[in-house]
PDB file of N, CA and C in Angstrom:
ATOM      1  N   MET A   1       0.833  -1.172   0.000  1.00  0.00           N
ATOM      2  CA  MET A   1       0.000   0.000   0.000  1.00  0.00           C
ATOM      3  C   MET A   1       0.885   1.246   0.000  1.00  0.00           C
ATOM      4  N   ILE A   2       0.606   2.169  -0.872  1.00  0.00           N
ATOM      5  CA  ILE A   2       1.465   3.349  -1.049  1.00  0.00           C
ATOM      6  C   ILE A   2       1.518   4.220   0.211  1.00  0.00           C
ATOM      7  N   GLU A   3       0.456   4.243   0.986  1.00  0.00           N
ATOM      8  CA  GLU A   3       0.449   5.045   2.211  1.00  0.00           C
ATOM      9  C   GLU A   3       1.540   4.587   3.175  1.00  0.00           C
ATOM     10  N   HIS A   4       1.764   3.279   3.233  1.00  0.00           N
ATOM     11  CA  HIS A   4       2.829   2.727   4.089  1.00  0.00           C
ATOM     12  C   HIS A   4       4.194   3.216   3.611  1.00  0.00           C
ATOM     13  N   GLU A   5       4.396   3.253   2.302  1.00  0.00           N
ATOM     14  CA  GLU A   5       5.686   3.688   1.753  1.00  0.00           C
ATOM     15  C   GLU A   5       5.910   5.179   2.030  1.00  0.00           C
ATOM     16  N   ILE A   6       4.859   5.976   1.884  1.00  0.00           N
ATOM     17  CA  ILE A   6       4.968   7.418   2.159  1.00  0.00           C
ATOM     18  C   ILE A   6       5.278   7.646   3.636  1.00  0.00           C
ATOM     19  N   ALA A   7       4.592   6.934   4.504  1.00  0.00           N
ATOM     20  CA  ALA A   7       4.858   7.061   5.944  1.00  0.00           C
ATOM     21  C   ALA A   7       6.296   6.661   6.280  1.00  0.00           C
ATOM     22  N   SER A   8       6.791   5.620   5.653  1.00  0.00           N
ATOM     23  CA  SER A   8       8.181   5.190   5.869  1.00  0.00           C
ATOM     24  C   SER A   8       9.150   6.265   5.413  1.00  0.00           C
ATOM     25  N   PHE A   9       8.898   6.852   4.249  1.00  0.00           N
ATOM     26  CA  PHE A   9       9.731   7.936   3.727  1.00  0.00           C
ATOM     27  C   PHE A   9       9.757   9.108   4.707  1.00  0.00           C
ATOM     28  N   GLU A  10       8.587   9.515   5.177  1.00  0.00           N
ATOM     29  CA  GLU A  10       8.512  10.649   6.094  1.00  0.00           C
ATOM     30  C   GLU A  10       9.225  10.348   7.408  1.00  0.00           C
ATOM     31  N   ARG A  11       9.101   9.147   7.908  1.00  0.00           N
ATOM     32  CA  ARG A  11       9.751   8.749   9.152  1.00  0.00           C
ATOM     33  C   ARG A  11      11.283   8.761   9.020  1.00  0.00           C
ATOM     34  N   MET A  12      11.773   8.402   7.855  1.00  0.00           N
ATOM     35  CA  MET A  12      13.218   8.296   7.631  1.00  0.00           C
ATOM     36  C   MET A  12      13.826   9.556   7.015  1.00  0.00           C
ATOM     37  N   GLN A  13      13.042  10.628   6.859  1.00  0.00           N
ATOM     38  CA  GLN A  13      13.465  11.808   6.106  1.00  0.00           C
ATOM     39  C   GLN A  13      14.833  12.350   6.521  1.00  0.00           C
ATOM     40  N   ALA A  14      15.074  12.544   7.790  1.00  0.00           N
ATOM     41  CA  ALA A  14      16.355  13.112   8.235  1.00  0.00           C
ATOM     42  C   ALA A  14      17.521  12.200   7.862  1.00  0.00           C
ATOM     43  N   GLU A  15      17.371  10.911   8.108  1.00  0.00           N
ATOM     44  CA  GLU A  15      18.426   9.948   7.767  1.00  0.00           C
ATOM     45  C   GLU A  15      18.661   9.903   6.250  1.00  0.00           C
ATOM     46  N   LEU A  16      17.579   9.938   5.485  1.00  0.00           N
ATOM     47  CA  LEU A  16      17.701   9.902   4.025  1.00  0.00           C
ATOM     48  C   LEU A  16      18.448  11.128   3.513  1.00  0.00           C
ATOM     49  N   SER A  17      18.144  12.273   4.090  1.00  0.00           N
ATOM     50  CA  SER A  17      18.821  13.509   3.679  1.00  0.00           C
ATOM     51  C   SER A  17      20.323  13.417   3.947  1.00  0.00           C
ATOM     52  N   ARG A  18      20.695  12.894   5.109  1.00  0.00           N
ATOM     53  CA  ARG A  18      22.124  12.736   5.434  1.00  0.00           C
ATOM     54  C   ARG A  18      22.804  11.720   4.518  1.00  0.00           C
ATOM     55  N   SER A  19      22.120  10.629   4.235  1.00  0.00           N
ATOM     56  CA  SER A  19      22.727   9.541   3.470  1.00  0.00           C
ATOM     57  C   SER A  19      22.739   9.768   1.963  1.00  0.00           C
ATOM     58  N   TYR A  20      21.695  10.412   1.444  1.00  0.00           N
ATOM     59  CA  TYR A  20      21.526  10.486  -0.013  1.00  0.00           C
ATOM     60  C   TYR A  20      21.497  11.905  -0.565  1.00  0.00           C
ATOM     61  N   GLY A  21      21.644  12.906   0.292  1.00  0.00           N
ATOM     62  CA  GLY A  21      21.657  14.289  -0.180  1.00  0.00           C
ATOM     63  C   GLY A  21      20.400  14.619  -0.957  1.00  0.00           C
ATOM     64  N   SER A  22      20.569  15.143  -2.165  1.00  0.00           N
ATOM     65  CA  SER A  22      19.416  15.550  -2.973  1.00  0.00           C
ATOM     66  C   SER A  22      18.992  14.474  -3.976  1.00  0.00           C
ATOM     67  N   GLN A  23      19.501  13.260  -3.829  1.00  0.00           N
ATOM     68  CA  GLN A  23      19.115  12.168  -4.726  1.00  0.00           C
ATOM     69  C   GLN A  23      17.665  11.747  -4.470  1.00  0.00           C
ATOM     70  N   TYR A  24      17.098  11.075  -5.449  1.00  0.00           N
ATOM     71  CA  TYR A  24      15.806  10.436  -5.262  1.00  0.00           C
ATOM     72  C   TYR A  24      16.031   9.094  -4.574  1.00  0.00           C
ATOM     73  N   VAL A  25      15.073   8.719  -3.753  1.00  0.00           N
ATOM     74  CA  VAL A  25      15.103   7.404  -3.127  1.00  0.00           C
ATOM     75  C   VAL A  25      13.799   6.690  -3.429  1.00  0.00           C
ATOM     76  N   ALA A  26      13.887   5.390  -3.632  1.00  0.00           N
ATOM     77  CA  ALA A  26      12.708   4.558  -3.863  1.00  0.00           C
ATOM     78  C   ALA A  26      12.474   3.731  -2.607  1.00  0.00           C
ATOM     79  N   ILE A  27      11.261   3.817  -2.062  1.00  0.00           N
ATOM     80  CA  ILE A  27      10.890   3.102  -0.857  1.00  0.00           C
ATOM     81  C   ILE A  27       9.884   2.021  -1.228  1.00  0.00           C
ATOM     82  N   TYR A  28      10.205   0.779  -0.868  1.00  0.00           N
ATOM     83  CA  TYR A  28       9.314  -0.349  -1.111  1.00  0.00           C
ATOM     84  C   TYR A  28       9.338  -1.245   0.122  1.00  0.00           C
ATOM     85  N   GLN A  29       8.190  -1.593   0.606  1.00  0.00           N
ATOM     86  CA  GLN A  29       8.051  -2.393   1.825  1.00  0.00           C
ATOM     87  C   GLN A  29       8.808  -1.777   3.001  1.00  0.00           C
ATOM     88  N   GLY A  30       8.768  -0.438   3.082  1.00  0.00           N
ATOM     89  CA  GLY A  30       9.371   0.276   4.193  1.00  0.00           C
ATOM     90  C   GLY A  30      10.874   0.413   4.147  1.00  0.00           C
ATOM     91  N   GLU A  31      11.507   0.028   3.045  1.00  0.00           N
ATOM     92  CA  GLU A  31      12.968   0.060   2.923  1.00  0.00           C
ATOM     93  C   GLU A  31      13.396   0.835   1.683  1.00  0.00           C
ATOM     94  N   VAL A  32      14.581   1.444   1.745  1.00  0.00           N
ATOM     95  CA  VAL A  32      15.174   2.058   0.558  1.00  0.00           C
ATOM     96  C   VAL A  32      15.669   0.921  -0.330  1.00  0.00           C
ATOM     97  N   VAL A  33      15.147   0.849  -1.549  1.00  0.00           N
ATOM     98  CA  VAL A  33      15.549  -0.226  -2.458  1.00  0.00           C
ATOM     99  C   VAL A  33      16.378   0.285  -3.627  1.00  0.00           C
ATOM    100  N   ALA A  34      16.399   1.611  -3.822  1.00  0.00           N
ATOM    101  CA  ALA A  34      17.211   2.205  -4.889  1.00  0.00           C
ATOM    102  C   ALA A  34      17.343   3.693  -4.609  1.00  0.00           C
ATOM    103  N   HIS A  35      18.400   4.287  -5.152  1.00  0.00           N
ATOM    104  CA  HIS A  35      18.577   5.737  -5.035  1.00  0.00           C
ATOM    105  C   HIS A  35      19.414   6.216  -6.205  1.00  0.00           C
ATOM    106  N   GLY A  36      19.261   7.485  -6.545  1.00  0.00           N
ATOM    107  CA  GLY A  36      20.020   8.069  -7.634  1.00  0.00           C
ATOM    108  C   GLY A  36      19.426   9.394  -8.075  1.00  0.00           C
ATOM    109  N   PRO A  37      20.059  10.040  -9.056  1.00  0.00           N
ATOM    110  CA  PRO A  37      19.635  11.377  -9.474  1.00  0.00           C
ATOM    111  C   PRO A  37      18.440  11.395 -10.437  1.00  0.00           C
ATOM    112  N   ASP A  38      18.032  10.255 -10.965  1.00  0.00           N
ATOM    113  CA  ASP A  38      16.997  10.217 -11.999  1.00  0.00           C
ATOM    114  C   ASP A  38      15.790   9.384 -11.553  1.00  0.00           C
ATOM    115  N   ARG A  39      14.661  10.032 -11.404  1.00  0.00           N
ATOM    116  CA  ARG A  39      13.435   9.369 -10.936  1.00  0.00           C
ATOM    117  C   ARG A  39      12.991   8.266 -11.894  1.00  0.00           C
ATOM    118  N   HIS A  40      13.093   8.516 -13.187  1.00  0.00           N
ATOM    119  CA  HIS A  40      12.652   7.521 -14.173  1.00  0.00           C
ATOM    120  C   HIS A  40      13.528   6.268 -14.146  1.00  0.00           C
ATOM    121  N   MET A  41      14.829   6.456 -13.965  1.00  0.00           N
ATOM    122  CA  MET A  41      15.733   5.317 -13.874  1.00  0.00           C
ATOM    123  C   MET A  41      15.413   4.480 -12.635  1.00  0.00           C
ATOM    124  N   LEU A  42      15.083   5.160 -11.527  1.00  0.00           N
ATOM    125  CA  LEU A  42      14.727   4.419 -10.312  1.00  0.00           C
ATOM    126  C   LEU A  42      13.475   3.596 -10.526  1.00  0.00           C
ATOM    127  N   THR A  43      12.500   4.173 -11.209  1.00  0.00           N
ATOM    128  CA  THR A  43      11.263   3.435 -11.492  1.00  0.00           C
ATOM    129  C   THR A  43      11.579   2.177 -12.286  1.00  0.00           C
ATOM    130  N   GLU A  44      12.414   2.296 -13.301  1.00  0.00           N
ATOM    131  CA  GLU A  44      12.803   1.134 -14.096  1.00  0.00           C
ATOM    132  C   GLU A  44      13.529   0.094 -13.247  1.00  0.00           C
ATOM    133  N   GLN A  45      14.414   0.554 -12.361  1.00  0.00           N
ATOM    134  CA  GLN A  45      15.147  -0.368 -11.493  1.00  0.00           C
ATOM    135  C   GLN A  45      14.212  -1.136 -10.571  1.00  0.00           C
ATOM    136  N   VAL A  46      13.291  -0.418  -9.938  1.00  0.00           N
ATOM    137  CA  VAL A  46      12.361  -1.068  -9.006  1.00  0.00           C
ATOM    138  C   VAL A  46      11.488  -2.071  -9.751  1.00  0.00           C
ATOM    139  N   TYR A  47      10.943  -1.673 -10.892  1.00  0.00           N
ATOM    140  CA  TYR A  47      10.082  -2.578 -11.657  1.00  0.00           C
ATOM    141  C   TYR A  47      10.859  -3.796 -12.151  1.00  0.00           C
ATOM    142  N   ALA A  48      12.121  -3.598 -12.531  1.00  0.00           N
ATOM    143  CA  ALA A  48      12.937  -4.731 -12.990  1.00  0.00           C
ATOM    144  C   ALA A  48      13.208  -5.710 -11.848  1.00  0.00           C
ATOM    145  N   GLN A  49      13.401  -5.182 -10.650  1.00  0.00           N
ATOM    146  CA  GLN A  49      13.741  -6.039  -9.511  1.00  0.00           C
ATOM    147  C   GLN A  49      12.514  -6.675  -8.857  1.00  0.00           C
ATOM    148  N   PHE A  50      11.407  -5.914  -8.754  1.00  0.00           N
ATOM    149  CA  PHE A  50      10.254  -6.376  -7.975  1.00  0.00           C
ATOM    150  C   PHE A  50       8.979  -6.555  -8.790  1.00  0.00           C
ATOM    151  N   GLY A  51       8.989  -6.184 -10.054  1.00  0.00           N
ATOM    152  CA  GLY A  51       7.757  -6.174 -10.842  1.00  0.00           C
ATOM    153  C   GLY A  51       7.055  -4.828 -10.654  1.00  0.00           C
ATOM    154  N   GLU A  52       5.895  -4.691 -11.232  1.00  0.00           N
ATOM    155  CA  GLU A  52       5.174  -3.410 -11.151  1.00  0.00           C
ATOM    156  C   GLU A  52       4.409  -3.317  -9.839  1.00  0.00           C
ATOM    157  N   VAL A  53       5.162  -3.058  -8.785  1.00  0.00           N
ATOM    158  CA  VAL A  53       4.614  -2.953  -7.440  1.00  0.00           C
ATOM    159  C   VAL A  53       4.433  -1.482  -7.070  1.00  0.00           C
ATOM    160  N   PRO A  54       3.541  -1.190  -6.129  1.00  0.00           N
ATOM    161  CA  PRO A  54       3.426   0.190  -5.655  1.00  0.00           C
ATOM    162  C   PRO A  54       4.620   0.534  -4.763  1.00  0.00           C
ATOM    163  N   PHE A  55       5.248   1.651  -5.038  1.00  0.00           N
ATOM    164  CA  PHE A  55       6.371   2.116  -4.224  1.00  0.00           C
ATOM    165  C   PHE A  55       6.361   3.634  -4.240  1.00  0.00           C
ATOM    166  N   PHE A  56       7.131   4.242  -3.358  1.00  0.00           N
ATOM    167  CA  PHE A  56       7.231   5.695  -3.302  1.00  0.00           C
ATOM    168  C   PHE A  56       8.607   6.115  -3.769  1.00  0.00           C
ATOM    169  N   CYS A  57       8.652   7.148  -4.586  1.00  0.00           N
ATOM    170  CA  CYS A  57       9.919   7.707  -5.051  1.00  0.00           C
ATOM    171  C   CYS A  57       9.880   9.212  -4.814  1.00  0.00           C
ATOM    172  N   GLY A  58      10.813   9.703  -4.021  1.00  0.00           N
ATOM    173  CA  GLY A  58      10.867  11.135  -3.729  1.00  0.00           C
ATOM    174  C   GLY A  58      12.289  11.565  -3.450  1.00  0.00           C
ATOM    175  N   THR A  59      12.500  12.863  -3.459  1.00  0.00           N
ATOM    176  CA  THR A  59      13.834  13.383  -3.176  1.00  0.00           C
ATOM    177  C   THR A  59      14.072  13.350  -1.669  1.00  0.00           C
ATOM    178  N   SER A  60      15.262  13.013  -1.309  1.00  0.00           N
ATOM    179  CA  SER A  60      15.606  12.916   0.112  1.00  0.00           C
ATOM    180  C   SER A  60      16.018  14.250   0.688  1.00  0.00           C
ATOM    181  N   ARG A  61      16.069  15.270  -0.119  1.00  0.00           N
ATOM    182  CA  ARG A  61      16.508  16.594   0.332  1.00  0.00           C
ATOM    183  C   ARG A  61      15.460  17.226   1.232  1.00  0.00           C
ATOM    184  N   ARG A  62      15.905  17.788   2.331  1.00  0.00           N
ATOM    185  CA  ARG A  62      15.004  18.505   3.252  1.00  0.00           C
ATOM    186  C   ARG A  62      15.160  19.984   3.018  1.00  0.00           C
ATOM    187  N   ASP A  63      14.057  20.676   2.989  1.00  0.00           N
ATOM    188  CA  ASP A  63      14.108  22.150   2.834  1.00  0.00           C
ATOM    189  C   ASP A  63      13.856  22.834   4.158  1.00  0.00           C
TER     190      ASP A  63
END
């Protein structure tokens, strides 16, 4: 469920910002499964690894 992934992202926001800077992170089943500068590439990576599952992809940068 995407709400779980969004909640996981929000809970980990500070750690993600420290670890990944302004990169995008993909969250699936409450875990970071991919990261990088290109959102579309992350989508392809997640789908290749897990199939077309619901996941959250957002920038780890905090404003």
